[in-house]
Structure formats: structure tokens, C-alpha cells
Amino acid sequence: MPVNPEVVDALRADPAAISLRPSLDLSYGDPGRATAMDRFHAQFVRPDDLVLDIGAHVGDRTASYRRLGARVVAVEPQPLCARSIRALYGDDNQVTVVEAACGAAIGALKLHINTANPTVSTASPHFIQATDGAENWQGQVWDARLNVPATTLDVLIAEHGVPAFTKVDVEGFEDAVLAGLSHPLPALSFEFTTVERAVARRALDRAVALGFTRFNLALGDAMALAEPAWLTATALATLLDALPHSANSGDVYCRR
């Protein structure tokens, strides 16, 4: 089900959502990017699949999964972003919005919000420390705090079913999210950053413990796997360690 462009325009015009305009422009204003995203996700997502979008932000990945015919549970703790997702997908009964953070346990988490750039808001104070003074992170300020409800992947699976694909993009909190998973899954991705490679290594170790055996990565916003063949966890860890700091971020993809 395509997103109504009039709803996107209304969100862009909303003074309360001014900080989301760059994300809305990137997510819903570039047809070529959307096509590339769909082509890439089609190797993981099929019609009628269930996808968990953990850290949905303004729902650009949710949009791609829906164009591929999947049912989506979009998990997003920031009230402004969750409100935007509800506006964008409110008429789509195949999208469920869960306004919560995802972590290692149910309860509550303190969310550190970057009000000028909400896409890098995080539940990890260590992530904020790691970015302090780092190249590519200058000028980022986490200037607001908010206590938010916390859920886990296990709870989401119990409530919504076993996903065919799970995407985790939570700014340095990926290891905590995977710590809340005990179910074997067909495929998942988790974001990494070069300022906190240890988080990615812990997430990778957890993926191995969950039974994943094949790994690859995509750099930045590239809608393509970086390696022509899937790697072992050891080879992927070596690749992560060797990335230059300027690579900044990307996503690790895991398959059984």
C-alpha cells in the first residue's frame, strides 16, 4: 500500500515536525532510492511475510517492506516519529505501530533525544560518549531525555508472530536488542558504527549464539551487499575491524 503523498506534505508543513523534514525528504522524496531499497529487500522479504522494523524512525524501511507485500510491526520510541508513522500508515491495517524502545528486558528506558536530528536519538549513553569529538559526528547534541516503555524481541514475537526478517537500527543499542531475543529467526540485520565497533562485535556474537551462520554487510545507505559471497562470523568480524573510520556506519545482515 503506497504512502499518500498528501500526508507526507502535511507532515513536512507541520512546524512541530520541522526536525523530521530531512528524513521525510530522503524517505519519501526519492523514487530511485525507493526502487533500489525494494530490490535489495526482496532477497529477504516476500509477500505476506511478517517484518519487525526496530527503530522505524519515519518508516522508510516500513514503506519498502509494505511495497513488497509484507505485514510490518514498526517499533519506535520517539513520540514525534511514532505520530508521523501513524499518520503515514494509519489507513493501512498491515502496519502496527508499537511506541516503545526495544531492549534486553521489558520495563522502561531513558531515551536520549537529539531534537535537531532525531534519527540519531539513542538509549545508549555509551554511544553518546563514543561520538564525542569523533569525525562525522561534530555538532550532534543529545539535548533532551525521555523515559519510554521498553519491550523485547521475544515479547514482540509472542504478540505478533515469528518474523521472516527483523531490522534493528537503534544507534549503539543493537547488542541490547539482540540480548532480548531467544527465538531462532530466518534473517535479521543490525546497524553498526565505526565509533562503537565493540557493540557490533557483541551483536555479532549474539547472532552466532542464536544460530546464524552466514553474514554480510551493507555500507552506509547503500542498497547492496558489500561482499559477493556470504561470510563466516569470523570473517565478518575481521572485515568490521578493518573498516576505516570514515566508513561511519552500515548494517550487518545475518542468515541461518
C-alpha atoms as a PDB file:
ATOM      1  CA  MET A   1       0.000   0.000   0.000  1.00  0.00           C
ATOM      2  CA  PRO A   2       1.708   3.247  -1.094  1.00  0.00           C
ATOM      3  CA  VAL A   3       2.075   6.167   1.278  1.00  0.00           C
ATOM      4  CA  ASN A   4      -0.242   9.081   0.491  1.00  0.00           C
ATOM      5  CA  PRO A   5       1.984  11.972  -0.702  1.00  0.00           C
ATOM      6  CA  GLU A   6      -0.506  14.459   0.717  1.00  0.00           C
ATOM      7  CA  VAL A   7       0.166  13.061   4.195  1.00  0.00           C
ATOM      8  CA  VAL A   8       3.919  13.440   3.618  1.00  0.00           C
ATOM      9  CA  ASP A   9       3.372  17.055   2.548  1.00  0.00           C
ATOM     10  CA  ALA A  10       1.235  17.722   5.615  1.00  0.00           C
ATOM     11  CA  LEU A  11       3.938  16.352   7.901  1.00  0.00           C
ATOM     12  CA  ARG A  12       6.607  18.419   6.163  1.00  0.00           C
ATOM     13  CA  ALA A  13       4.477  21.533   6.688  1.00  0.00           C
ATOM     14  CA  ASP A  14       3.874  20.821  10.366  1.00  0.00           C
ATOM     15  CA  PRO A  15       6.025  23.215  12.462  1.00  0.00           C
ATOM     16  CA  ALA A  16       6.170  20.629  15.236  1.00  0.00           C
ATOM     17  CA  ALA A  17       7.848  18.169  12.866  1.00  0.00           C
ATOM     18  CA  ILE A  18      10.416  20.510  11.335  1.00  0.00           C
ATOM     19  CA  SER A  19      13.313  18.338  12.570  1.00  0.00           C
ATOM     20  CA  LEU A  20      11.900  15.400  10.580  1.00  0.00           C
ATOM     21  CA  ARG A  21      11.835  17.206   7.230  1.00  0.00           C
ATOM     22  CA  PRO A  22      15.260  15.937   6.060  1.00  0.00           C
ATOM     23  CA  SER A  23      14.252  12.375   6.918  1.00  0.00           C
ATOM     24  CA  LEU A  24      10.868  12.737   5.213  1.00  0.00           C
ATOM     25  CA  ASP A  25      12.539  14.165   2.099  1.00  0.00           C
ATOM     26  CA  LEU A  26      15.030  11.307   1.959  1.00  0.00           C
ATOM     27  CA  SER A  27      12.494   8.627   2.807  1.00  0.00           C
ATOM     28  CA  TYR A  28       9.595   9.681   0.584  1.00  0.00           C
ATOM     29  CA  GLY A  29      11.032  12.100  -1.975  1.00  0.00           C
ATOM     30  CA  ASP A  30      13.431   9.908  -3.956  1.00  0.00           C
ATOM     31  CA  PRO A  31      11.751   7.294  -6.202  1.00  0.00           C
ATOM     32  CA  GLY A  32      15.119   5.926  -7.318  1.00  0.00           C
ATOM     33  CA  ARG A  33      16.147   5.232  -3.733  1.00  0.00           C
ATOM     34  CA  ALA A  34      12.810   3.545  -3.065  1.00  0.00           C
ATOM     35  CA  THR A  35      13.259   1.288  -6.103  1.00  0.00           C
ATOM     36  CA  ALA A  36      16.777   0.328  -5.032  1.00  0.00           C
ATOM     37  CA  MET A  37      15.577  -0.347  -1.488  1.00  0.00           C
ATOM     38  CA  ASP A  38      12.795  -2.633  -2.710  1.00  0.00           C
ATOM     39  CA  ARG A  39      15.170  -4.532  -4.983  1.00  0.00           C
ATOM     40  CA  PHE A  40      17.563  -5.040  -2.112  1.00  0.00           C
ATOM     41  CA  HIS A  41      14.945  -6.053   0.476  1.00  0.00           C
ATOM     42  CA  ALA A  42      13.330  -8.525  -1.920  1.00  0.00           C
ATOM     43  CA  GLN A  43      16.095 -11.027  -1.126  1.00  0.00           C
ATOM     44  CA  PHE A  44      14.845 -11.121   2.483  1.00  0.00           C
ATOM     45  CA  VAL A  45      11.129 -10.252   2.303  1.00  0.00           C
ATOM     46  CA  ARG A  46       8.283 -11.913   0.401  1.00  0.00           C
ATOM     47  CA  PRO A  47       4.551 -11.154   0.147  1.00  0.00           C
ATOM     48  CA  ASP A  48       2.649 -11.997   3.344  1.00  0.00           C
ATOM     49  CA  ASP A  49       5.839 -12.181   5.422  1.00  0.00           C
ATOM     50  CA  LEU A  50       5.989 -10.527   8.830  1.00  0.00           C
ATOM     51  CA  VAL A  51       8.776  -7.976   9.334  1.00  0.00           C
ATOM     52  CA  LEU A  52       9.826  -6.321  12.590  1.00  0.00           C
ATOM     53  CA  ASP A  53      11.153  -2.799  11.963  1.00  0.00           C
ATOM     54  CA  ILE A  54      13.018  -1.966  15.173  1.00  0.00           C
ATOM     55  CA  GLY A  55      13.902   1.706  15.219  1.00  0.00           C
ATOM     56  CA  ALA A  56      11.443   2.649  12.485  1.00  0.00           C
ATOM     57  CA  HIS A  57      12.085   6.438  12.673  1.00  0.00           C
ATOM     58  CA  VAL A  58       9.762   7.846   9.937  1.00  0.00           C
ATOM     59  CA  GLY A  59       9.095   4.489   8.320  1.00  0.00           C
ATOM     60  CA  ASP A  60      11.109   4.438   5.094  1.00  0.00           C
ATOM     61  CA  ARG A  61      12.002   0.767   5.589  1.00  0.00           C
ATOM     62  CA  THR A  62       8.432   0.060   6.620  1.00  0.00           C
ATOM     63  CA  ALA A  63       7.358   1.584   3.300  1.00  0.00           C
ATOM     64  CA  SER A  64       9.672  -0.739   1.403  1.00  0.00           C
ATOM     65  CA  TYR A  65       8.504  -3.851   3.256  1.00  0.00           C
ATOM     66  CA  ARG A  66       4.898  -2.885   2.548  1.00  0.00           C
ATOM     67  CA  ARG A  67       5.577  -2.350  -1.156  1.00  0.00           C
ATOM     68  CA  LEU A  68       6.894  -5.910  -1.131  1.00  0.00           C
ATOM     69  CA  GLY A  69       3.617  -7.110   0.396  1.00  0.00           C
ATOM     70  CA  ALA A  70       4.802  -7.794   3.944  1.00  0.00           C
ATOM     71  CA  ARG A  71       2.990  -7.132   7.205  1.00  0.00           C
ATOM     72  CA  VAL A  72       5.061  -4.814   9.413  1.00  0.00           C
ATOM     73  CA  VAL A  73       5.367  -4.138  13.121  1.00  0.00           C
ATOM     74  CA  ALA A  74       7.088  -0.747  13.359  1.00  0.00           C
ATOM     75  CA  VAL A  75       8.718  -0.152  16.754  1.00  0.00           C
ATOM     76  CA  GLU A  76       9.679   3.449  17.510  1.00  0.00           C
ATOM     77  CA  PRO A  77      10.059   5.124  20.942  1.00  0.00           C
ATOM     78  CA  GLN A  78      10.158   8.789  19.892  1.00  0.00           C
ATOM     79  CA  PRO A  79       6.656  10.287  20.187  1.00  0.00           C
ATOM     80  CA  LEU A  80       7.172  12.628  17.221  1.00  0.00           C
ATOM     81  CA  CYS A  81       8.343   9.813  14.969  1.00  0.00           C
ATOM     82  CA  ALA A  82       5.652   7.395  16.167  1.00  0.00           C
ATOM     83  CA  ARG A  83       2.992  10.042  15.485  1.00  0.00           C
ATOM     84  CA  SER A  84       4.390  10.507  11.983  1.00  0.00           C
ATOM     85  CA  ILE A  85       4.318   6.769  11.272  1.00  0.00           C
ATOM     86  CA  ARG A  86       0.721   6.587  12.455  1.00  0.00           C
ATOM     87  CA  ALA A  87      -0.180   9.481  10.147  1.00  0.00           C
ATOM     88  CA  LEU A  88       1.584   7.848   7.200  1.00  0.00           C
ATOM     89  CA  TYR A  89       0.193   4.341   7.739  1.00  0.00           C
ATOM     90  CA  GLY A  90      -2.996   4.975   9.691  1.00  0.00           C
ATOM     91  CA  ASP A  91      -5.171   3.616   6.880  1.00  0.00           C
ATOM     92  CA  ASP A  92      -3.043   0.501   6.451  1.00  0.00           C
ATOM     93  CA  ASN A  93      -4.171  -2.390   8.624  1.00  0.00           C
ATOM     94  CA  GLN A  94      -0.995  -4.294   7.746  1.00  0.00           C
ATOM     95  CA  VAL A  95       1.171  -1.876   9.747  1.00  0.00           C
ATOM     96  CA  THR A  96       1.179  -1.997  13.547  1.00  0.00           C
ATOM     97  CA  VAL A  97       2.959   0.798  15.412  1.00  0.00           C
ATOM     98  CA  VAL A  98       4.489  -0.012  18.801  1.00  0.00           C
ATOM     99  CA  GLU A  99       5.564   3.175  20.580  1.00  0.00           C
ATOM    100  CA  ALA A 100       8.367   1.754  22.710  1.00  0.00           C
ATOM    101  CA  ALA A 101      12.075   1.155  22.805  1.00  0.00           C
ATOM    102  CA  CYS A 102      13.370  -2.363  22.272  1.00  0.00           C
ATOM    103  CA  GLY A 103      15.993  -3.721  24.633  1.00  0.00           C
ATOM    104  CA  ALA A 104      17.153  -6.617  26.742  1.00  0.00           C
ATOM    105  CA  ALA A 105      14.174  -6.570  29.140  1.00  0.00           C
ATOM    106  CA  ILE A 106      10.685  -5.170  29.471  1.00  0.00           C
ATOM    107  CA  GLY A 107      10.196  -2.112  31.657  1.00  0.00           C
ATOM    108  CA  ALA A 108      11.445   1.394  30.880  1.00  0.00           C
ATOM    109  CA  LEU A 109      14.470   3.010  29.282  1.00  0.00           C
ATOM    110  CA  LYS A 110      15.850   6.543  29.232  1.00  0.00           C
ATOM    111  CA  LEU A 111      15.919   7.809  25.665  1.00  0.00           C
ATOM    112  CA  HIS A 112      18.490  10.468  24.782  1.00  0.00           C
ATOM    113  CA  ILE A 113      16.906  12.599  22.061  1.00  0.00           C
ATOM    114  CA  ASN A 114      18.764  14.718  19.539  1.00  0.00           C
ATOM    115  CA  THR A 115      15.999  17.232  18.887  1.00  0.00           C
ATOM    116  CA  ALA A 116      17.741  18.726  15.856  1.00  0.00           C
ATOM    117  CA  ASN A 117      18.481  15.311  14.308  1.00  0.00           C
ATOM    118  CA  PRO A 118      16.070  12.741  15.773  1.00  0.00           C
ATOM    119  CA  THR A 119      17.376   9.928  13.570  1.00  0.00           C
ATOM    120  CA  VAL A 120      20.378   9.529  15.900  1.00  0.00           C
ATOM    121  CA  SER A 121      18.446   9.506  19.174  1.00  0.00           C
ATOM    122  CA  THR A 122      19.557   6.604  21.348  1.00  0.00           C
ATOM    123  CA  ALA A 123      19.013   4.663  24.552  1.00  0.00           C
ATOM    124  CA  SER A 124      22.784   4.194  24.923  1.00  0.00           C
ATOM    125  CA  PRO A 125      24.769   6.789  26.908  1.00  0.00           C
ATOM    126  CA  HIS A 126      27.936   4.957  25.774  1.00  0.00           C
ATOM    127  CA  PHE A 127      27.063   5.763  22.160  1.00  0.00           C
ATOM    128  CA  ILE A 128      26.897   9.455  23.018  1.00  0.00           C
ATOM    129  CA  GLN A 129      30.277   9.235  24.740  1.00  0.00           C
ATOM    130  CA  ALA A 130      31.780   7.433  21.740  1.00  0.00           C
ATOM    131  CA  THR A 131      30.660  10.131  19.306  1.00  0.00           C
ATOM    132  CA  ASP A 132      32.045  12.999  21.393  1.00  0.00           C
ATOM    133  CA  GLY A 133      34.638  14.705  19.196  1.00  0.00           C
ATOM    134  CA  ALA A 134      34.561  11.950  16.591  1.00  0.00           C
ATOM    135  CA  GLU A 135      34.862  12.683  12.890  1.00  0.00           C
ATOM    136  CA  ASN A 136      31.454  12.757  11.137  1.00  0.00           C
ATOM    137  CA  TRP A 137      29.686  13.398  14.450  1.00  0.00           C
ATOM    138  CA  GLN A 138      30.599  17.016  15.075  1.00  0.00           C
ATOM    139  CA  GLY A 139      27.751  19.209  16.221  1.00  0.00           C
ATOM    140  CA  GLN A 140      25.455  16.384  17.313  1.00  0.00           C
ATOM    141  CA  VAL A 141      23.801  17.211  20.643  1.00  0.00           C
ATOM    142  CA  TRP A 142      21.504  14.961  22.661  1.00  0.00           C
ATOM    143  CA  ASP A 143      19.658  17.723  24.447  1.00  0.00           C
ATOM    144  CA  ALA A 144      16.520  16.014  25.751  1.00  0.00           C
ATOM    145  CA  ARG A 145      15.730  12.993  27.892  1.00  0.00           C
ATOM    146  CA  LEU A 146      12.564  10.943  27.953  1.00  0.00           C
ATOM    147  CA  ASN A 147      11.597   7.833  29.870  1.00  0.00           C
ATOM    148  CA  VAL A 148       9.924   5.431  27.452  1.00  0.00           C
ATOM    149  CA  PRO A 149       8.406   1.969  27.781  1.00  0.00           C
ATOM    150  CA  ALA A 150      10.696  -0.889  26.827  1.00  0.00           C
ATOM    151  CA  THR A 151       9.825  -4.170  25.165  1.00  0.00           C
ATOM    152  CA  THR A 152      11.892  -7.061  23.801  1.00  0.00           C
ATOM    153  CA  LEU A 153      12.046  -9.005  20.575  1.00  0.00           C
ATOM    154  CA  ASP A 154      10.775 -12.063  22.436  1.00  0.00           C
ATOM    155  CA  VAL A 155       7.703 -10.139  23.624  1.00  0.00           C
ATOM    156  CA  LEU A 156       7.053  -8.764  20.145  1.00  0.00           C
ATOM    157  CA  ILE A 157       7.297 -12.252  18.663  1.00  0.00           C
ATOM    158  CA  ALA A 158       4.912 -13.628  21.289  1.00  0.00           C
ATOM    159  CA  GLU A 159       2.405 -10.895  20.426  1.00  0.00           C
ATOM    160  CA  HIS A 160       2.760 -10.693  16.641  1.00  0.00           C
ATOM    161  CA  GLY A 161       4.360 -13.934  15.422  1.00  0.00           C
ATOM    162  CA  VAL A 162       7.754 -15.047  14.135  1.00  0.00           C
ATOM    163  CA  PRO A 163       9.125 -12.583  11.561  1.00  0.00           C
ATOM    164  CA  ALA A 164      10.731 -13.600   8.293  1.00  0.00           C
ATOM    165  CA  PHE A 165      13.029 -10.610   8.660  1.00  0.00           C
ATOM    166  CA  THR A 166      13.948  -8.277  11.514  1.00  0.00           C
ATOM    167  CA  LYS A 167      15.733  -4.949  11.048  1.00  0.00           C
ATOM    168  CA  VAL A 168      17.434  -3.361  14.081  1.00  0.00           C
ATOM    169  CA  ASP A 169      18.661   0.244  13.813  1.00  0.00           C
ATOM    170  CA  VAL A 170      18.874   1.792  17.276  1.00  0.00           C
ATOM    171  CA  GLU A 171      22.081   3.848  17.410  1.00  0.00           C
ATOM    172  CA  GLY A 172      24.500   1.843  19.505  1.00  0.00           C
ATOM    173  CA  PHE A 173      21.884  -0.210  21.359  1.00  0.00           C
ATOM    174  CA  GLU A 174      21.797  -3.146  18.934  1.00  0.00           C
ATOM    175  CA  ASP A 175      23.527  -5.558  21.298  1.00  0.00           C
ATOM    176  CA  ALA A 176      20.905  -4.893  23.970  1.00  0.00           C
ATOM    177  CA  VAL A 177      18.099  -5.511  21.485  1.00  0.00           C
ATOM    178  CA  LEU A 178      19.557  -8.874  20.457  1.00  0.00           C
ATOM    179  CA  ALA A 179      20.044  -9.774  24.119  1.00  0.00           C
ATOM    180  CA  GLY A 180      16.240  -9.725  24.329  1.00  0.00           C
ATOM    181  CA  LEU A 181      15.903 -12.386  21.635  1.00  0.00           C
ATOM    182  CA  SER A 182      15.941 -16.142  22.265  1.00  0.00           C
ATOM    183  CA  HIS A 183      13.972 -17.330  19.212  1.00  0.00           C
ATOM    184  CA  PRO A 184      15.797 -18.591  16.114  1.00  0.00           C
ATOM    185  CA  LEU A 185      14.870 -16.360  13.160  1.00  0.00           C
ATOM    186  CA  PRO A 186      15.415 -16.777   9.405  1.00  0.00           C
ATOM    187  CA  ALA A 187      17.187 -13.443   8.848  1.00  0.00           C
ATOM    188  CA  LEU A 188      17.936 -10.140  10.524  1.00  0.00           C
ATOM    189  CA  SER A 189      20.045  -7.019  10.179  1.00  0.00           C
ATOM    190  CA  PHE A 190      21.607  -4.748  12.760  1.00  0.00           C
ATOM    191  CA  GLU A 191      23.271  -1.376  12.344  1.00  0.00           C
ATOM    192  CA  PHE A 192      26.924  -0.830  13.194  1.00  0.00           C
ATOM    193  CA  THR A 193      29.004   2.326  13.591  1.00  0.00           C
ATOM    194  CA  THR A 194      32.773   2.671  13.406  1.00  0.00           C
ATOM    195  CA  VAL A 195      32.786   4.703  16.632  1.00  0.00           C
ATOM    196  CA  GLU A 196      31.402   1.709  18.549  1.00  0.00           C
ATOM    197  CA  ARG A 197      32.666  -1.446  16.888  1.00  0.00           C
ATOM    198  CA  ALA A 198      32.503  -3.306  20.212  1.00  0.00           C
ATOM    199  CA  VAL A 199      28.700  -3.049  20.108  1.00  0.00           C
ATOM    200  CA  ALA A 200      28.703  -4.650  16.661  1.00  0.00           C
ATOM    201  CA  ARG A 201      31.018  -7.423  17.866  1.00  0.00           C
ATOM    202  CA  ARG A 202      28.697  -8.189  20.790  1.00  0.00           C
ATOM    203  CA  ALA A 203      25.692  -8.168  18.457  1.00  0.00           C
ATOM    204  CA  LEU A 204      27.537 -10.478  16.079  1.00  0.00           C
ATOM    205  CA  ASP A 205      28.431 -12.857  18.907  1.00  0.00           C
ATOM    206  CA  ARG A 206      24.788 -12.914  19.951  1.00  0.00           C
ATOM    207  CA  ALA A 207      23.722 -13.638  16.371  1.00  0.00           C
ATOM    208  CA  VAL A 208      26.084 -16.617  16.305  1.00  0.00           C
ATOM    209  CA  ALA A 209      24.653 -17.863  19.610  1.00  0.00           C
ATOM    210  CA  LEU A 210      21.163 -17.592  18.061  1.00  0.00           C
ATOM    211  CA  GLY A 211      22.204 -19.938  15.246  1.00  0.00           C
ATOM    212  CA  PHE A 212      23.026 -17.560  12.406  1.00  0.00           C
ATOM    213  CA  THR A 213      25.851 -18.888  10.225  1.00  0.00           C
ATOM    214  CA  ARG A 214      26.124 -16.560   7.195  1.00  0.00           C
ATOM    215  CA  PHE A 215      26.910 -12.862   7.319  1.00  0.00           C
ATOM    216  CA  ASN A 216      27.367  -9.863   5.049  1.00  0.00           C
ATOM    217  CA  LEU A 217      27.192  -6.097   5.337  1.00  0.00           C
ATOM    218  CA  ALA A 218      25.987  -3.005   3.516  1.00  0.00           C
ATOM    219  CA  LEU A 219      27.890   0.247   3.942  1.00  0.00           C
ATOM    220  CA  GLY A 220      26.126   3.493   4.692  1.00  0.00           C
ATOM    221  CA  ASP A 221      22.836   3.838   2.867  1.00  0.00           C
ATOM    222  CA  ALA A 222      23.970   1.601   0.004  1.00  0.00           C
ATOM    223  CA  MET A 223      21.265  -0.813  -1.062  1.00  0.00           C
ATOM    224  CA  ALA A 224      23.767  -3.556  -1.883  1.00  0.00           C
ATOM    225  CA  LEU A 225      25.763  -6.169  -0.019  1.00  0.00           C
ATOM    226  CA  ALA A 226      29.443  -5.294   0.156  1.00  0.00           C
ATOM    227  CA  GLU A 227      30.728  -8.854  -0.275  1.00  0.00           C
ATOM    228  CA  PRO A 228      29.929 -11.093  -3.278  1.00  0.00           C
ATOM    229  CA  ALA A 229      29.656 -14.171  -1.055  1.00  0.00           C
ATOM    230  CA  TRP A 230      28.260 -14.629   2.436  1.00  0.00           C
ATOM    231  CA  LEU A 231      30.922 -14.837   5.139  1.00  0.00           C
ATOM    232  CA  THR A 232      31.531 -16.674   8.368  1.00  0.00           C
ATOM    233  CA  ALA A 233      31.178 -14.710  11.581  1.00  0.00           C
ATOM    234  CA  THR A 234      34.972 -14.683  11.994  1.00  0.00           C
ATOM    235  CA  ALA A 235      35.483 -13.255   8.506  1.00  0.00           C
ATOM    236  CA  LEU A 236      32.768 -10.652   9.035  1.00  0.00           C
ATOM    237  CA  ALA A 237      34.314  -9.583  12.351  1.00  0.00           C
ATOM    238  CA  THR A 238      37.687  -9.169  10.635  1.00  0.00           C
ATOM    239  CA  LEU A 239      36.039  -7.062   7.938  1.00  0.00           C
ATOM    240  CA  LEU A 240      34.342  -4.838  10.514  1.00  0.00           C
ATOM    241  CA  ASP A 241      37.602  -4.304  12.355  1.00  0.00           C
ATOM    242  CA  ALA A 242      39.371  -3.338   9.119  1.00  0.00           C
ATOM    243  CA  LEU A 243      36.852  -0.727   8.007  1.00  0.00           C
ATOM    244  CA  PRO A 244      38.223   2.817   8.019  1.00  0.00           C
ATOM    245  CA  HIS A 245      36.663   5.203  10.498  1.00  0.00           C
ATOM    246  CA  SER A 246      35.332   7.186   7.532  1.00  0.00           C
ATOM    247  CA  ALA A 247      33.004   4.292   6.668  1.00  0.00           C
ATOM    248  CA  ASN A 248      30.979   5.602   9.620  1.00  0.00           C
ATOM    249  CA  SER A 249      28.059   3.161   9.626  1.00  0.00           C
ATOM    250  CA  GLY A 250      26.210   0.399   7.868  1.00  0.00           C
ATOM    251  CA  ASP A 251      24.232  -2.759   8.520  1.00  0.00           C
ATOM    252  CA  VAL A 252      25.247  -6.341   9.178  1.00  0.00           C
ATOM    253  CA  TYR A 253      22.961  -8.965   7.600  1.00  0.00           C
ATOM    254  CA  CYS A 254      22.599 -12.385   9.178  1.00  0.00           C
ATOM    255  CA  ARG A 255      21.166 -15.602   7.778  1.00  0.00           C
ATOM    256  CA  ARG A 256      20.869 -19.101   9.123  1.00  0.00           C
END
